[in-house]
C-alpha atoms as a PDB file:
ATOM      1  CA  MET A   1      -3.274  24.367  27.240  1.00  0.00           C
ATOM      2  CA  THR A   2      -4.916  27.322  29.000  1.00  0.00           C
ATOM      3  CA  GLN A   3      -8.477  28.540  28.313  1.00  0.00           C
ATOM      4  CA  HIS A   4      -6.175  32.037  26.683  1.00  0.00           C
ATOM      5  CA  SER A   5      -5.296  30.132  23.759  1.00  0.00           C
ATOM      6  CA  PRO A   6      -5.561  31.485  20.753  1.00  0.00           C
ATOM      7  CA  SER A   7      -8.432  30.264  18.654  1.00  0.00           C
ATOM      8  CA  VAL A   8      -8.662  29.642  15.096  1.00  0.00           C
ATOM      9  CA  VAL A   9     -11.776  28.663  13.641  1.00  0.00           C
ATOM     10  CA  VAL A  10     -11.527  25.247  11.422  1.00  0.00           C
ATOM     11  CA  ALA A  11     -14.319  24.763   8.557  1.00  0.00           C
ATOM     12  CA  GLY A  12     -14.298  21.367   7.824  1.00  0.00           C
ATOM     13  CA  GLY A  13     -12.098  19.750  11.159  1.00  0.00           C
ATOM     14  CA  ALA A  14     -13.818  16.736  11.643  1.00  0.00           C
ATOM     15  CA  GLY A  15     -12.961  15.553   7.882  1.00  0.00           C
ATOM     16  CA  TYR A  16      -9.626  13.568   6.986  1.00  0.00           C
ATOM     17  CA  ILE A  17      -7.487  16.652   6.235  1.00  0.00           C
ATOM     18  CA  GLY A  18      -9.261  18.754   8.831  1.00  0.00           C
ATOM     19  CA  SER A  19      -9.033  16.459  11.958  1.00  0.00           C
ATOM     20  CA  HIS A  20      -5.324  16.028  11.731  1.00  0.00           C
ATOM     21  CA  MET A  21      -4.978  20.315  11.293  1.00  0.00           C
ATOM     22  CA  VAL A  22      -7.541  20.202  14.438  1.00  0.00           C
ATOM     23  CA  ARG A  23      -4.908  17.900  16.231  1.00  0.00           C
ATOM     24  CA  MET A  24      -1.577  19.743  15.155  1.00  0.00           C
ATOM     25  CA  LEU A  25      -2.900  23.122  16.033  1.00  0.00           C
ATOM     26  CA  ARG A  26      -4.395  21.753  19.666  1.00  0.00           C
ATOM     27  CA  ASP A  27      -0.350  20.231  20.204  1.00  0.00           C
ATOM     28  CA  GLN A  28       1.175  23.376  19.154  1.00  0.00           C
ATOM     29  CA  GLY A  29      -0.585  25.447  22.056  1.00  0.00           C
ATOM     30  CA  TRP A  30      -3.838  26.364  19.671  1.00  0.00           C
ATOM     31  CA  HIS A  31      -7.729  26.660  20.341  1.00  0.00           C
ATOM     32  CA  PRO A  32      -9.217  24.753  17.413  1.00  0.00           C
ATOM     33  CA  VAL A  33     -12.806  25.555  16.879  1.00  0.00           C
ATOM     34  CA  VAL A  34     -14.180  23.138  15.271  1.00  0.00           C
ATOM     35  CA  VAL A  35     -17.310  23.963  12.603  1.00  0.00           C
ATOM     36  CA  ASP A  36     -18.481  21.084  10.424  1.00  0.00           C
ATOM     37  CA  ASN A  37     -21.707  19.843   9.408  1.00  0.00           C
ATOM     38  CA  LEU A  38     -20.944  16.095   9.327  1.00  0.00           C
ATOM     39  CA  ALA A  39     -21.877  15.497   5.649  1.00  0.00           C
ATOM     40  CA  THR A  40     -18.660  13.487   5.358  1.00  0.00           C
ATOM     41  CA  GLY A  41     -16.809  13.960   8.426  1.00  0.00           C
ATOM     42  CA  HIS A  42     -16.657  12.173  11.445  1.00  0.00           C
ATOM     43  CA  GLY A  43     -17.868  14.146  14.865  1.00  0.00           C
ATOM     44  CA  ASP A  44     -15.837  11.713  16.605  1.00  0.00           C
ATOM     45  CA  SER A  45     -12.367  12.344  15.198  1.00  0.00           C
ATOM     46  CA  VAL A  46     -12.456  15.656  16.707  1.00  0.00           C
ATOM     47  CA  VAL A  47      -9.680  15.830  19.527  1.00  0.00           C
ATOM     48  CA  ASP A  48      -9.877  16.353  23.389  1.00  0.00           C
ATOM     49  CA  GLY A  49      -9.169  20.000  23.571  1.00  0.00           C
ATOM     50  CA  ALA A  50     -10.779  21.003  20.716  1.00  0.00           C
ATOM     51  CA  THR A  51     -14.014  22.991  20.908  1.00  0.00           C
ATOM     52  CA  PHE A  52     -16.837  21.366  18.340  1.00  0.00           C
ATOM     53  CA  ARG A  53     -19.838  23.247  16.652  1.00  0.00           C
ATOM     54  CA  GLN A  54     -21.872  21.344  14.278  1.00  0.00           C
ATOM     55  CA  GLY A  55     -23.378  23.821  11.006  1.00  0.00           C
ATOM     56  CA  ASP A  56     -22.733  24.985   7.746  1.00  0.00           C
ATOM     57  CA  ILE A  57     -19.998  27.658   6.957  1.00  0.00           C
ATOM     58  CA  GLY A  58     -22.989  29.445   4.735  1.00  0.00           C
ATOM     59  CA  ASP A  59     -25.112  29.877   8.028  1.00  0.00           C
ATOM     60  CA  ALA A  60     -24.129  33.267   8.275  1.00  0.00           C
ATOM     61  CA  GLU A  61     -25.825  33.671  11.758  1.00  0.00           C
ATOM     62  CA  PHE A  62     -24.340  30.431  12.567  1.00  0.00           C
ATOM     63  CA  MET A  63     -20.916  31.576  11.711  1.00  0.00           C
ATOM     64  CA  GLY A  64     -21.269  35.326  13.142  1.00  0.00           C
ATOM     65  CA  ALA A  65     -22.263  34.798  16.393  1.00  0.00           C
ATOM     66  CA  LEU A  66     -18.861  31.950  16.851  1.00  0.00           C
ATOM     67  CA  LEU A  67     -16.714  34.652  15.063  1.00  0.00           C
ATOM     68  CA  ARG A  68     -17.890  36.981  17.585  1.00  0.00           C
ATOM     69  CA  GLU A  69     -17.682  34.694  20.358  1.00  0.00           C
ATOM     70  CA  PHE A  70     -13.931  33.253  19.587  1.00  0.00           C
ATOM     71  CA  THR A  71     -12.939  35.909  18.188  1.00  0.00           C
ATOM     72  CA  PRO A  72     -10.050  33.786  16.256  1.00  0.00           C
ATOM     73  CA  PRO A  73      -7.625  36.014  13.574  1.00  0.00           C
ATOM     74  CA  CYS A  74      -8.008  33.495  11.033  1.00  0.00           C
ATOM     75  CA  VAL A  75     -10.367  30.640   9.500  1.00  0.00           C
ATOM     76  CA  MET A  76      -8.975  27.805   8.069  1.00  0.00           C
ATOM     77  CA  HIS A  77     -11.111  26.342   5.318  1.00  0.00           C
ATOM     78  CA  PHE A  78     -11.475  22.372   4.306  1.00  0.00           C
ATOM     79  CA  ALA A  79     -15.340  22.394   4.232  1.00  0.00           C
ATOM     80  CA  ALA A  80     -15.767  21.246   0.597  1.00  0.00           C
ATOM     81  CA  ALA A  81     -17.365  18.405  -1.938  1.00  0.00           C
ATOM     82  CA  SER A  82     -13.998  16.913  -3.318  1.00  0.00           C
ATOM     83  CA  LEU A  83     -15.184  14.047  -5.624  1.00  0.00           C
ATOM     84  CA  VAL A  84     -14.503  15.207  -9.150  1.00  0.00           C
ATOM     85  CA  GLY A  85     -16.578  12.448 -10.068  1.00  0.00           C
ATOM     86  CA  GLU A  86     -19.237  13.427  -8.829  1.00  0.00           C
ATOM     87  CA  SER A  87     -18.931  17.015  -9.555  1.00  0.00           C
ATOM     88  CA  MET A  88     -19.138  15.592 -13.352  1.00  0.00           C
ATOM     89  CA  VAL A  89     -22.808  14.697 -12.507  1.00  0.00           C
ATOM     90  CA  ALA A  90     -23.671  16.995  -9.349  1.00  0.00           C
ATOM     91  CA  PRO A  91     -22.535  20.315 -10.146  1.00  0.00           C
ATOM     92  CA  ALA A  92     -24.862  22.451  -8.655  1.00  0.00           C
ATOM     93  CA  LYS A  93     -23.225  20.608  -4.897  1.00  0.00           C
ATOM     94  CA  TYR A  94     -20.126  21.451  -5.612  1.00  0.00           C
ATOM     95  CA  TRP A  95     -21.136  25.151  -7.030  1.00  0.00           C
ATOM     96  CA  ARG A  96     -23.205  25.152  -4.045  1.00  0.00           C
ATOM     97  CA  ASN A  97     -21.065  23.582  -1.194  1.00  0.00           C
ATOM     98  CA  ASN A  98     -17.549  25.309  -2.862  1.00  0.00           C
ATOM     99  CA  LEU A  99     -18.221  28.644  -3.557  1.00  0.00           C
ATOM    100  CA  VAL A 100     -21.385  29.740  -2.286  1.00  0.00           C
ATOM    101  CA  GLN A 101     -21.340  28.521   0.796  1.00  0.00           C
ATOM    102  CA  THR A 102     -18.008  29.690   0.962  1.00  0.00           C
ATOM    103  CA  LEU A 103     -18.510  33.120  -0.214  1.00  0.00           C
ATOM    104  CA  THR A 104     -20.807  33.927   2.866  1.00  0.00           C
ATOM    105  CA  LEU A 105     -18.589  33.085   4.894  1.00  0.00           C
ATOM    106  CA  LEU A 106     -16.192  35.284   3.483  1.00  0.00           C
ATOM    107  CA  ASP A 107     -18.825  38.435   3.694  1.00  0.00           C
ATOM    108  CA  THR A 108     -19.483  37.366   7.525  1.00  0.00           C
ATOM    109  CA  MET A 109     -15.704  37.373   7.950  1.00  0.00           C
ATOM    110  CA  VAL A 110     -15.429  40.657   6.480  1.00  0.00           C
ATOM    111  CA  ALA A 111     -18.655  41.948   9.021  1.00  0.00           C
ATOM    112  CA  CYS A 112     -16.974  40.316  12.262  1.00  0.00           C
ATOM    113  CA  GLY A 113     -13.094  41.967  10.983  1.00  0.00           C
ATOM    114  CA  VAL A 114     -11.544  38.458  11.317  1.00  0.00           C
ATOM    115  CA  GLN A 115      -8.935  39.429   8.362  1.00  0.00           C
ATOM    116  CA  GLN A 116      -7.081  35.714   7.849  1.00  0.00           C
ATOM    117  CA  PHE A 117      -8.382  33.042   5.907  1.00  0.00           C
ATOM    118  CA  ILE A 118      -6.052  30.297   4.730  1.00  0.00           C
ATOM    119  CA  PHE A 119      -8.225  27.899   1.896  1.00  0.00           C
ATOM    120  CA  SER A 120      -7.467  24.459   0.623  1.00  0.00           C
ATOM    121  CA  SER A 121      -7.348  24.513  -3.236  1.00  0.00           C
ATOM    122  CA  THR A 122      -6.072  21.160  -5.339  1.00  0.00           C
ATOM    123  CA  ALA A 123      -3.870  20.949  -7.924  1.00  0.00           C
ATOM    124  CA  ALA A 124      -7.911  20.274  -9.884  1.00  0.00           C
ATOM    125  CA  VAL A 125      -6.967  24.655 -10.766  1.00  0.00           C
ATOM    126  CA  TYR A 126      -4.542  23.656 -13.628  1.00  0.00           C
ATOM    127  CA  GLY A 127      -6.717  20.886 -15.571  1.00  0.00           C
ATOM    128  CA  ASN A 128      -4.591  18.616 -18.148  1.00  0.00           C
ATOM    129  CA  PRO A 129      -0.759  20.038 -17.519  1.00  0.00           C
ATOM    130  CA  VAL A 130       1.041  21.748 -20.284  1.00  0.00           C
ATOM    131  CA  GLU A 131       4.347  21.473 -18.580  1.00  0.00           C
ATOM    132  CA  VAL A 132       5.705  19.182 -15.653  1.00  0.00           C
ATOM    133  CA  PRO A 133       6.797  19.969 -12.889  1.00  0.00           C
ATOM    134  CA  ILE A 134       3.847  22.197 -12.129  1.00  0.00           C
ATOM    135  CA  THR A 135       4.740  25.275 -11.043  1.00  0.00           C
ATOM    136  CA  GLU A 136       1.894  28.269  -9.605  1.00  0.00           C
ATOM    137  CA  GLN A 137       1.923  30.370 -12.425  1.00  0.00           C
ATOM    138  CA  HIS A 138       0.660  27.255 -14.906  1.00  0.00           C
ATOM    139  CA  PRO A 139      -2.406  28.057 -16.633  1.00  0.00           C
ATOM    140  CA  GLN A 140      -5.097  27.395 -14.593  1.00  0.00           C
ATOM    141  CA  GLN A 141      -7.643  26.165 -16.951  1.00  0.00           C
ATOM    142  CA  PRO A 142      -9.712  23.060 -14.924  1.00  0.00           C
ATOM    143  CA  ILE A 143     -11.645  20.079 -16.519  1.00  0.00           C
ATOM    144  CA  ASN A 144     -14.098  19.508 -14.253  1.00  0.00           C
ATOM    145  CA  PRO A 145     -16.678  21.838 -11.870  1.00  0.00           C
ATOM    146  CA  TYR A 146     -14.603  20.270  -8.405  1.00  0.00           C
ATOM    147  CA  GLY A 147     -11.798  22.195 -10.079  1.00  0.00           C
ATOM    148  CA  GLN A 148     -13.587  25.262 -11.653  1.00  0.00           C
ATOM    149  CA  SER A 149     -15.338  26.164  -8.120  1.00  0.00           C
ATOM    150  CA  LYS A 150     -12.037  25.688  -6.542  1.00  0.00           C
ATOM    151  CA  LEU A 151     -10.383  28.432  -8.477  1.00  0.00           C
ATOM    152  CA  ALA A 152     -13.437  30.641  -8.359  1.00  0.00           C
ATOM    153  CA  VAL A 153     -12.904  31.042  -4.834  1.00  0.00           C
ATOM    154  CA  GLU A 154      -9.489  31.845  -5.394  1.00  0.00           C
ATOM    155  CA  ARG A 155     -10.547  34.369  -7.779  1.00  0.00           C
ATOM    156  CA  ALA A 156     -12.880  35.538  -5.220  1.00  0.00           C
ATOM    157  CA  LEU A 157     -10.311  35.618  -2.525  1.00  0.00           C
ATOM    158  CA  ALA A 158      -8.018  38.116  -4.597  1.00  0.00           C
ATOM    159  CA  ASP A 159     -10.808  40.535  -5.278  1.00  0.00           C
ATOM    160  CA  TYR A 160     -11.762  40.241  -1.283  1.00  0.00           C
ATOM    161  CA  SER A 161      -8.292  40.943  -0.610  1.00  0.00           C
ATOM    162  CA  GLN A 162      -8.053  44.192  -2.156  1.00  0.00           C
ATOM    163  CA  ALA A 163     -10.964  45.531  -1.635  1.00  0.00           C
ATOM    164  CA  TYR A 164     -11.903  44.596   1.894  1.00  0.00           C
ATOM    165  CA  GLY A 165      -8.221  43.667   2.964  1.00  0.00           C
ATOM    166  CA  LEU A 166      -9.002  39.943   3.599  1.00  0.00           C
ATOM    167  CA  ARG A 167      -5.523  38.288   3.835  1.00  0.00           C
ATOM    168  CA  SER A 168      -5.118  34.701   2.670  1.00  0.00           C
ATOM    169  CA  ILE A 169      -3.090  32.080   1.551  1.00  0.00           C
ATOM    170  CA  THR A 170      -3.802  29.567  -0.541  1.00  0.00           C
ATOM    171  CA  LEU A 171      -2.525  25.855  -0.709  1.00  0.00           C
ATOM    172  CA  ARG A 172      -3.228  23.657  -3.694  1.00  0.00           C
ATOM    173  CA  TYR A 173      -2.605  20.264  -2.951  1.00  0.00           C
ATOM    174  CA  PHE A 174      -1.830  17.904  -5.013  1.00  0.00           C
ATOM    175  CA  ASN A 175      -2.379  13.972  -3.603  1.00  0.00           C
ATOM    176  CA  ALA A 176      -3.046  13.361  -0.137  1.00  0.00           C
ATOM    177  CA  ALA A 177      -2.376  11.062   1.530  1.00  0.00           C
ATOM    178  CA  GLY A 178      -1.162   8.774   4.906  1.00  0.00           C
ATOM    179  CA  ALA A 179      -2.259   8.963   8.372  1.00  0.00           C
ATOM    180  CA  HIS A 180      -1.285  10.530  11.781  1.00  0.00           C
ATOM    181  CA  PRO A 181       1.786   8.507  12.735  1.00  0.00           C
ATOM    182  CA  ASP A 182       0.724   6.981  16.041  1.00  0.00           C
ATOM    183  CA  GLY A 183      -2.118   5.063  13.972  1.00  0.00           C
ATOM    184  CA  THR A 184      -5.032   7.408  15.571  1.00  0.00           C
ATOM    185  CA  LEU A 185      -6.727   9.035  12.365  1.00  0.00           C
ATOM    186  CA  GLY A 186      -6.901   8.480   8.709  1.00  0.00           C
ATOM    187  CA  GLU A 187      -9.090   8.361   5.921  1.00  0.00           C
ATOM    188  CA  ARG A 188     -12.708   7.808   6.162  1.00  0.00           C
ATOM    189  CA  HIS A 189     -14.317   8.439   3.153  1.00  0.00           C
ATOM    190  CA  GLU A 190     -17.802   7.023   2.445  1.00  0.00           C
ATOM    191  CA  PRO A 191     -17.129   5.820  -0.999  1.00  0.00           C
ATOM    192  CA  GLU A 192     -13.619   5.669  -0.833  1.00  0.00           C
ATOM    193  CA  THR A 193     -11.652   7.088  -3.831  1.00  0.00           C
ATOM    194  CA  HIS A 194      -7.889   7.653  -3.326  1.00  0.00           C
ATOM    195  CA  LEU A 195      -5.747   4.743  -4.604  1.00  0.00           C
ATOM    196  CA  ILE A 196      -3.490   4.368  -1.283  1.00  0.00           C
ATOM    197  CA  PRO A 197      -6.363   3.307   0.858  1.00  0.00           C
ATOM    198  CA  LEU A 198      -8.126   1.892  -1.634  1.00  0.00           C
ATOM    199  CA  VAL A 199      -4.941  -0.813  -1.972  1.00  0.00           C
ATOM    200  CA  LEU A 200      -4.697  -1.157   1.852  1.00  0.00           C
ATOM    201  CA  GLN A 201      -8.480  -2.361   1.728  1.00  0.00           C
ATOM    202  CA  VAL A 202      -7.250  -4.887  -0.359  1.00  0.00           C
ATOM    203  CA  ALA A 203      -4.515  -6.058   1.912  1.00  0.00           C
ATOM    204  CA  SER A 204      -6.586  -6.333   4.617  1.00  0.00           C
ATOM    205  CA  GLY A 205      -9.265  -8.148   3.110  1.00  0.00           C
ATOM    206  CA  ARG A 206     -11.675  -5.561   2.922  1.00  0.00           C
ATOM    207  CA  ARG A 207     -12.176  -5.552  -1.159  1.00  0.00           C
ATOM    208  CA  PRO A 208     -11.383  -8.617  -3.936  1.00  0.00           C
ATOM    209  CA  PHE A 209      -8.302  -6.385  -6.076  1.00  0.00           C
ATOM    210  CA  ILE A 210      -7.522  -3.074  -6.591  1.00  0.00           C
ATOM    211  CA  SER A 211      -8.607  -1.358 -10.018  1.00  0.00           C
ATOM    212  CA  ARG A 212      -5.783   0.042 -12.424  1.00  0.00           C
ATOM    213  CA  PHE A 213      -7.700   2.942 -14.612  1.00  0.00           C
ATOM    214  CA  GLY A 214      -6.093   2.852 -17.645  1.00  0.00           C
ATOM    215  CA  SER A 215      -2.644   0.963 -18.304  1.00  0.00           C
ATOM    216  CA  ASP A 216      -1.712   2.308 -21.823  1.00  0.00           C
ATOM    217  CA  PHE A 217      -0.712   5.917 -20.370  1.00  0.00           C
ATOM    218  CA  PRO A 218       2.470   7.831 -21.942  1.00  0.00           C
ATOM    219  CA  THR A 219       4.098   7.312 -19.175  1.00  0.00           C
ATOM    220  CA  PRO A 220       7.429   4.482 -18.285  1.00  0.00           C
ATOM    221  CA  ASP A 221       5.053   2.414 -16.871  1.00  0.00           C
ATOM    222  CA  GLY A 222       1.773   2.936 -18.918  1.00  0.00           C
ATOM    223  CA  SER A 223       0.351   4.060 -15.448  1.00  0.00           C
ATOM    224  CA  CYS A 224      -0.364   7.593 -14.034  1.00  0.00           C
ATOM    225  CA  ILE A 225       1.642   9.523 -11.818  1.00  0.00           C
ATOM    226  CA  ARG A 226       0.695  11.560  -8.838  1.00  0.00           C
ATOM    227  CA  ASP A 227       2.544  13.530  -6.258  1.00  0.00           C
ATOM    228  CA  TYR A 228       1.184  11.930  -2.867  1.00  0.00           C
ATOM    229  CA  ILE A 229       1.793  14.186  -0.116  1.00  0.00           C
ATOM    230  CA  HIS A 230       1.771  13.115   3.577  1.00  0.00           C
ATOM    231  CA  VAL A 231      -0.881  14.467   5.507  1.00  0.00           C
ATOM    232  CA  GLN A 232       1.056  15.767   8.393  1.00  0.00           C
ATOM    233  CA  ASP A 233       3.401  17.762   5.841  1.00  0.00           C
ATOM    234  CA  LEU A 234       0.322  19.396   4.466  1.00  0.00           C
ATOM    235  CA  CYS A 235      -0.938  20.271   8.239  1.00  0.00           C
ATOM    236  CA  THR A 236       2.779  21.529   8.919  1.00  0.00           C
ATOM    237  CA  ALA A 237       2.062  24.145   5.651  1.00  0.00           C
ATOM    238  CA  HIS A 238      -1.347  25.225   6.848  1.00  0.00           C
ATOM    239  CA  LEU A 239       0.569  25.792  10.814  1.00  0.00           C
ATOM    240  CA  LEU A 240       3.565  27.890   8.450  1.00  0.00           C
ATOM    241  CA  ALA A 241       1.141  29.953   6.894  1.00  0.00           C
ATOM    242  CA  LEU A 242      -1.316  30.695   9.751  1.00  0.00           C
ATOM    243  CA  GLU A 243       2.418  32.270  11.491  1.00  0.00           C
ATOM    244  CA  LYS A 244       3.331  34.012   7.777  1.00  0.00           C
ATOM    245  CA  LEU A 245      -0.604  36.044   8.397  1.00  0.00           C
ATOM    246  CA  ALA A 246      -0.091  36.265  11.447  1.00  0.00           C
ATOM    247  CA  ARG A 247       3.420  38.708  10.425  1.00  0.00           C
ATOM    248  CA  GLY A 248       1.436  40.600   7.888  1.00  0.00           C
ATOM    249  CA  ALA A 249       1.791  38.422   4.706  1.00  0.00           C
ATOM    250  CA  ALA A 250      -0.158  39.237   2.034  1.00  0.00           C
ATOM    251  CA  THR A 251      -2.685  37.017   0.012  1.00  0.00           C
ATOM    252  CA  THR A 252      -0.440  34.598  -2.371  1.00  0.00           C
ATOM    253  CA  VAL A 253      -0.890  31.039  -3.448  1.00  0.00           C
ATOM    254  CA  TYR A 254       1.413  27.820  -2.845  1.00  0.00           C
ATOM    255  CA  ASN A 255       1.718  24.061  -4.406  1.00  0.00           C
ATOM    256  CA  LEU A 256       2.042  21.338  -1.857  1.00  0.00           C
ATOM    257  CA  GLY A 257       3.788  18.624  -3.264  1.00  0.00           C
ATOM    258  CA  ASN A 258       6.711  16.588  -2.845  1.00  0.00           C
ATOM    259  CA  GLY A 259       7.783  17.069  -6.135  1.00  0.00           C
ATOM    260  CA  ASN A 260       8.370  13.091  -6.605  1.00  0.00           C
ATOM    261  CA  GLY A 261       6.044  11.145  -8.986  1.00  0.00           C
ATOM    262  CA  HIS A 262       4.987   8.079  -8.767  1.00  0.00           C
ATOM    263  CA  SER A 263       2.907   5.689 -10.862  1.00  0.00           C
ATOM    264  CA  VAL A 264      -0.236   3.852  -9.835  1.00  0.00           C
ATOM    265  CA  ASN A 265       2.066   0.526 -10.102  1.00  0.00           C
ATOM    266  CA  GLU A 266       4.671   1.917  -8.332  1.00  0.00           C
ATOM    267  CA  VAL A 267       2.527   2.767  -4.891  1.00  0.00           C
ATOM    268  CA  ILE A 268       0.887  -1.075  -5.499  1.00  0.00           C
ATOM    269  CA  GLU A 269       4.300  -2.320  -5.661  1.00  0.00           C
ATOM    270  CA  ALA A 270       5.596  -0.583  -2.547  1.00  0.00           C
ATOM    271  CA  ALA A 271       2.144  -1.677  -1.186  1.00  0.00           C
ATOM    272  CA  ARG A 272       2.911  -5.047  -1.269  1.00  0.00           C
ATOM    273  CA  ARG A 273       6.181  -4.425   0.135  1.00  0.00           C
ATOM    274  CA  VAL A 274       5.062  -2.592   3.595  1.00  0.00           C
ATOM    275  CA  THR A 275       1.702  -5.366   3.919  1.00  0.00           C
ATOM    276  CA  GLY A 276       3.319  -8.360   2.454  1.00  0.00           C
ATOM    277  CA  HIS A 277       0.060  -8.692   0.763  1.00  0.00           C
ATOM    278  CA  PRO A 278      -0.277  -9.707  -2.995  1.00  0.00           C
ATOM    279  CA  ILE A 279      -2.514  -7.355  -3.349  1.00  0.00           C
ATOM    280  CA  PRO A 280      -4.263  -8.508  -6.785  1.00  0.00           C
ATOM    281  CA  LEU A 281      -4.767  -6.167  -9.701  1.00  0.00           C
ATOM    282  CA  ARG A 282      -7.610  -5.670 -12.260  1.00  0.00           C
ATOM    283  CA  ASP A 283      -6.853  -3.537 -15.266  1.00  0.00           C
ATOM    284  CA  ASP A 284     -10.500  -1.219 -15.828  1.00  0.00           C
ATOM    285  CA  PRO A 285     -10.738   1.199 -18.541  1.00  0.00           C
ATOM    286  CA  ARG A 286      -9.406   4.717 -18.304  1.00  0.00           C
ATOM    287  CA  ARG A 287     -11.242   7.194 -16.502  1.00  0.00           C
ATOM    288  CA  ALA A 288     -12.562  11.062 -18.463  1.00  0.00           C
ATOM    289  CA  GLY A 289     -10.171  13.432 -17.941  1.00  0.00           C
ATOM    290  CA  ASP A 290      -7.348  11.243 -16.234  1.00  0.00           C
ATOM    291  CA  PRO A 291      -4.106  13.400 -17.064  1.00  0.00           C
ATOM    292  CA  PRO A 292      -1.128  11.199 -17.701  1.00  0.00           C
ATOM    293  CA  VAL A 293       0.947  13.348 -15.016  1.00  0.00           C
ATOM    294  CA  LEU A 294       0.744  15.688 -12.026  1.00  0.00           C
ATOM    295  CA  VAL A 295       3.401  16.419 -10.607  1.00  0.00           C
ATOM    296  CA  ALA A 296       4.012  19.718  -8.068  1.00  0.00           C
ATOM    297  CA  ASP A 297       6.844  22.592  -8.302  1.00  0.00           C
ATOM    298  CA  ALA A 298       6.711  23.381  -4.564  1.00  0.00           C
ATOM    299  CA  SER A 299       9.600  25.801  -4.533  1.00  0.00           C
ATOM    300  CA  ARG A 300       7.828  28.624  -3.455  1.00  0.00           C
ATOM    301  CA  ALA A 301       6.083  26.936  -0.421  1.00  0.00           C
ATOM    302  CA  ARG A 302       9.627  25.775   0.340  1.00  0.00           C
ATOM    303  CA  ALA A 303      11.369  29.200   0.147  1.00  0.00           C
ATOM    304  CA  GLN A 304       8.492  31.332   0.909  1.00  0.00           C
ATOM    305  CA  LEU A 305       6.538  29.242   3.831  1.00  0.00           C
ATOM    306  CA  GLY A 306      10.539  27.650   4.636  1.00  0.00           C
ATOM    307  CA  TRP A 307       8.267  24.587   4.207  1.00  0.00           C
ATOM    308  CA  VAL A 308      10.216  21.156   4.501  1.00  0.00           C
ATOM    309  CA  PRO A 309       8.593  17.906   4.225  1.00  0.00           C
ATOM    310  CA  GLN A 310       8.935  15.284   7.171  1.00  0.00           C
ATOM    311  CA  HIS A 311       7.724  12.100   5.168  1.00  0.00           C
ATOM    312  CA  PRO A 312       8.501  12.579   1.627  1.00  0.00           C
ATOM    313  CA  ASP A 313       8.743   8.824   1.103  1.00  0.00           C
ATOM    314  CA  ILE A 314       6.223   6.903  -0.313  1.00  0.00           C
ATOM    315  CA  GLU A 315       6.648   3.626   2.128  1.00  0.00           C
ATOM    316  CA  THR A 316       6.227   5.812   5.181  1.00  0.00           C
ATOM    317  CA  ILE A 317       3.042   7.119   3.486  1.00  0.00           C
ATOM    318  CA  ILE A 318       1.582   4.016   2.916  1.00  0.00           C
ATOM    319  CA  ALA A 319       2.980   2.493   5.983  1.00  0.00           C
ATOM    320  CA  HIS A 320       1.183   5.623   8.529  1.00  0.00           C
ATOM    321  CA  ALA A 321      -2.035   4.346   6.305  1.00  0.00           C
ATOM    322  CA  TRP A 322      -1.755   0.812   6.768  1.00  0.00           C
ATOM    323  CA  GLN A 323      -1.939   1.571  10.609  1.00  0.00           C
ATOM    324  CA  TRP A 324      -4.336   3.342   9.949  1.00  0.00           C
ATOM    325  CA  GLU A 325      -6.398   0.792   8.512  1.00  0.00           C
ATOM    326  CA  GLN A 326      -5.430  -2.265  10.157  1.00  0.00           C
ATOM    327  CA  ARG A 327      -6.909  -0.120  13.388  1.00  0.00           C
ATOM    328  CA  ALA A 328      -9.748   0.534  11.415  1.00  0.00           C
ATOM    329  CA  LEU A 329     -10.391  -3.161  10.749  1.00  0.00           C
ATOM    330  CA  ARG A 330      -9.925  -4.146  14.586  1.00  0.00           C
ATOM    331  CA  ALA A 331     -12.626  -0.716  15.837  1.00  0.00           C
END
């Protein structure tokens, strides 16, 4: 990489998905500029070849100076609070982090002439699905403050596009999972709430059992069904979105998922096969706001971005996450 590589600002680039994105950008010849306040990110996950600046995206002076220094064509946004349960009891944190801070960032971008934005959104904007698989036209009726805050940003982006010419691509993730195939990057959430890392922490001896929250859902085996998507495939979609914006694409929205649902029971069984561990299971009550089935229709992303997931298989996703869990255990 030369010092003349074009810069991309990656907000939240020290977090789980952001750190994988930064690695991919660097490997593709970009100069990633990571902005992270390290509230949930990890400074040691920022790869060589990236520039790291610790700070808040809602600090207009800090961000203005950074945008003027690096003159990126585009900002990628991964910086958000993302725990549904926490959002129910601490909504102020979610509205402030996810909406207020982001609006300040957008205003700073407009002031600095940065006119391309890639936004990490979520299937939580749909709420309880009325049809599955879920297309981008599905009614957006979030049932928690996390989903509400993400949808509010989406609506602001549509207005900013019309009024200020700030073009954006919003990517609505389903269940991000997995780890870098070489085992050097993965999930490090505190607390961890995602099923696959929790199951693997049982397999590695860090937890005594995995909880299944509800076994009486209207699904074939009674457990929730989710659409798991490999983190590397998510990052590839962002790279394609970056290229599409560079070619002048208009503001739009894409779902990101494999279109294949896997139940909690199926994930646990797959993890037993991958790890060779029995993974004890405990039944716990359903959690409020858990829809029985969330599966994406991502045909628009396939058709318009040319996106083709490379790691759709659940065992591959789990195997890559297992490499990371074993490495984390040795650390």
